[in-house]
Protein backbone atom coordinates (compact mmCIF):
# COMPACT_ATOMS: atom_id res chain seq x y z
CA MET A 1 -146.34 -215.36 -16.21
CA LYS A 2 -144.77 -213.00 -18.72
CA PRO A 3 -141.69 -214.37 -20.54
CA ASP A 4 -138.24 -212.93 -20.09
CA ARG A 5 -136.82 -210.77 -22.85
CA LEU A 6 -133.34 -210.46 -24.25
CA PHE A 7 -132.60 -207.29 -26.18
CA ILE A 8 -130.02 -205.85 -28.53
CA GLU A 9 -130.11 -202.09 -28.92
CA GLY A 10 -128.50 -199.92 -31.58
CA LEU A 11 -126.91 -202.64 -33.73
CA GLU A 12 -125.50 -200.61 -36.63
CA ILE A 13 -125.08 -202.33 -39.99
CA GLN A 14 -123.95 -200.98 -43.34
CA THR A 15 -126.23 -201.99 -46.21
CA TYR A 16 -127.97 -200.89 -49.37
CA VAL A 17 -131.54 -199.77 -48.64
CA GLY A 18 -133.83 -197.42 -50.49
CA ILE A 19 -135.86 -196.82 -53.61
CA TYR A 20 -133.59 -194.24 -55.23
CA ASP A 21 -130.66 -195.15 -57.49
CA TRP A 22 -128.11 -193.46 -55.24
CA GLU A 23 -129.35 -195.53 -52.26
CA GLN A 24 -128.50 -198.70 -54.16
CA GLU A 25 -125.04 -197.37 -55.06
CA GLN A 26 -123.95 -196.16 -51.63
CA LYS A 27 -124.20 -198.15 -48.39
CA GLN A 28 -126.08 -196.54 -45.53
CA THR A 29 -126.21 -197.24 -41.84
CA VAL A 30 -129.25 -199.11 -40.56
CA SER A 31 -129.81 -199.38 -36.83
CA LEU A 32 -131.60 -202.40 -35.34
CA ASP A 33 -133.20 -202.73 -31.93
CA LEU A 34 -134.33 -206.29 -31.18
CA GLU A 35 -136.39 -207.79 -28.35
CA MET A 36 -136.80 -211.55 -28.12
CA ASP A 37 -138.58 -213.86 -25.70
CA CYS A 38 -136.23 -216.15 -23.80
CA ASP A 39 -135.98 -218.15 -20.59
CA ALA A 40 -133.50 -216.23 -18.47
CA ALA A 41 -134.25 -218.35 -15.40
CA ALA A 42 -132.54 -221.45 -16.77
CA ALA A 43 -129.41 -219.50 -17.70
CA ALA A 44 -129.40 -217.71 -14.36
CA LYS A 45 -129.35 -221.05 -12.56
CA THR A 46 -126.61 -222.68 -14.64
CA ASP A 47 -124.63 -219.59 -15.65
CA HIS A 48 -124.03 -221.32 -19.00
CA ILE A 49 -124.40 -219.85 -22.50
CA ASP A 50 -126.10 -223.01 -23.82
CA ASP A 51 -129.09 -222.29 -21.57
CA THR A 52 -129.92 -218.90 -23.03
CA LEU A 53 -130.45 -217.11 -26.30
CA ASN A 54 -126.99 -216.25 -27.59
CA TYR A 55 -127.22 -212.54 -28.39
CA LYS A 56 -123.82 -212.56 -30.09
CA GLY A 57 -125.09 -215.27 -32.45
CA VAL A 58 -128.23 -213.25 -33.18
CA ALA A 59 -126.18 -210.09 -33.82
CA LYS A 60 -123.76 -211.86 -36.16
CA ARG A 61 -126.67 -213.39 -38.11
CA MET A 62 -128.32 -209.97 -38.48
CA ILE A 63 -125.04 -208.42 -39.65
CA ASP A 64 -124.63 -211.20 -42.25
CA TYR A 65 -128.23 -210.94 -43.44
CA VAL A 66 -128.65 -207.17 -43.54
CA GLY A 67 -125.12 -206.43 -44.69
CA GLY A 68 -125.22 -209.07 -47.42
CA ARG A 69 -128.40 -207.99 -49.22
CA ARG A 70 -129.98 -205.04 -50.97
CA PHE A 71 -133.37 -203.77 -49.89
CA GLN A 72 -135.73 -201.24 -51.36
CA LEU A 73 -137.85 -200.92 -48.22
CA ILE A 74 -136.91 -200.87 -44.56
CA GLU A 75 -140.10 -202.90 -43.97
CA THR A 76 -138.72 -205.77 -46.05
CA LEU A 77 -135.46 -205.65 -44.10
CA ALA A 78 -137.30 -205.73 -40.74
CA GLU A 79 -139.57 -208.61 -41.79
CA GLY A 80 -136.60 -210.66 -42.96
CA CYS A 81 -134.83 -210.10 -39.64
CA ALA A 82 -137.92 -211.13 -37.68
CA GLN A 83 -138.43 -214.31 -39.68
CA ILE A 84 -134.78 -215.36 -39.31
CA ILE A 85 -134.86 -214.83 -35.55
CA LEU A 86 -138.12 -216.76 -35.14
CA LYS A 87 -137.02 -219.69 -37.31
CA GLU A 88 -133.29 -219.98 -36.64
CA PHE A 89 -133.15 -219.07 -32.95
CA GLY A 90 -136.37 -220.74 -31.82
CA VAL A 91 -137.92 -217.75 -30.10
CA SER A 92 -141.70 -217.41 -29.88
CA TYR A 93 -141.79 -213.59 -30.10
CA VAL A 94 -139.61 -210.90 -31.62
CA LYS A 95 -139.86 -207.13 -31.89
CA VAL A 96 -137.71 -205.49 -34.56
CA ARG A 97 -137.15 -201.75 -34.80
CA ALA A 98 -135.26 -200.94 -38.00
CA ALA A 99 -134.19 -197.35 -38.53
CA LYS A 100 -132.40 -195.29 -41.17
CA PRO A 101 -130.68 -192.42 -39.33
CA GLY A 102 -130.58 -189.18 -41.29
CA ALA A 103 -132.91 -190.40 -44.05
CA ILE A 104 -135.10 -187.30 -43.80
CA ARG A 105 -133.75 -183.82 -43.26
CA GLY A 106 -134.79 -182.52 -39.87
CA ALA A 107 -135.50 -185.98 -38.40
CA ARG A 108 -132.98 -187.92 -36.34
CA THR A 109 -134.20 -191.21 -37.83
CA VAL A 110 -137.07 -192.92 -39.63
CA GLY A 111 -137.97 -196.57 -39.75
CA THR A 112 -140.42 -199.28 -38.85
CA LEU A 113 -141.34 -201.28 -35.77
CA ILE A 114 -142.80 -204.76 -36.16
CA GLU A 115 -143.73 -207.54 -33.76
CA ARG A 116 -144.05 -211.17 -34.83
CA ARG A 117 -144.91 -214.45 -33.12
CA ALA A 118 -143.97 -217.96 -34.15
């Protein structure tokens, strides 16, 4: 049976990301979409936060991590997010879509999409 998934969509975080000098001097918005395996059945039965993946906890951790560092590449940012979620939140699978809105003229957003397993 396929596992349940919890998702966070459009988590916007201000950070320094890019290879150009100005990108390291001026914060930009990064948008994260996250999908994580979880067991929703247990939480559905008990209706208790301790029986599920706490998406608020995941979001706060991503805000702290992404907002508290400087990155040259969006790929490095996405990989760091994936590794934190796998290790600190005990999930077996995570999909991270990290995007830089407005990074290229004429495109709504650019970014990377990675999937990792524990």
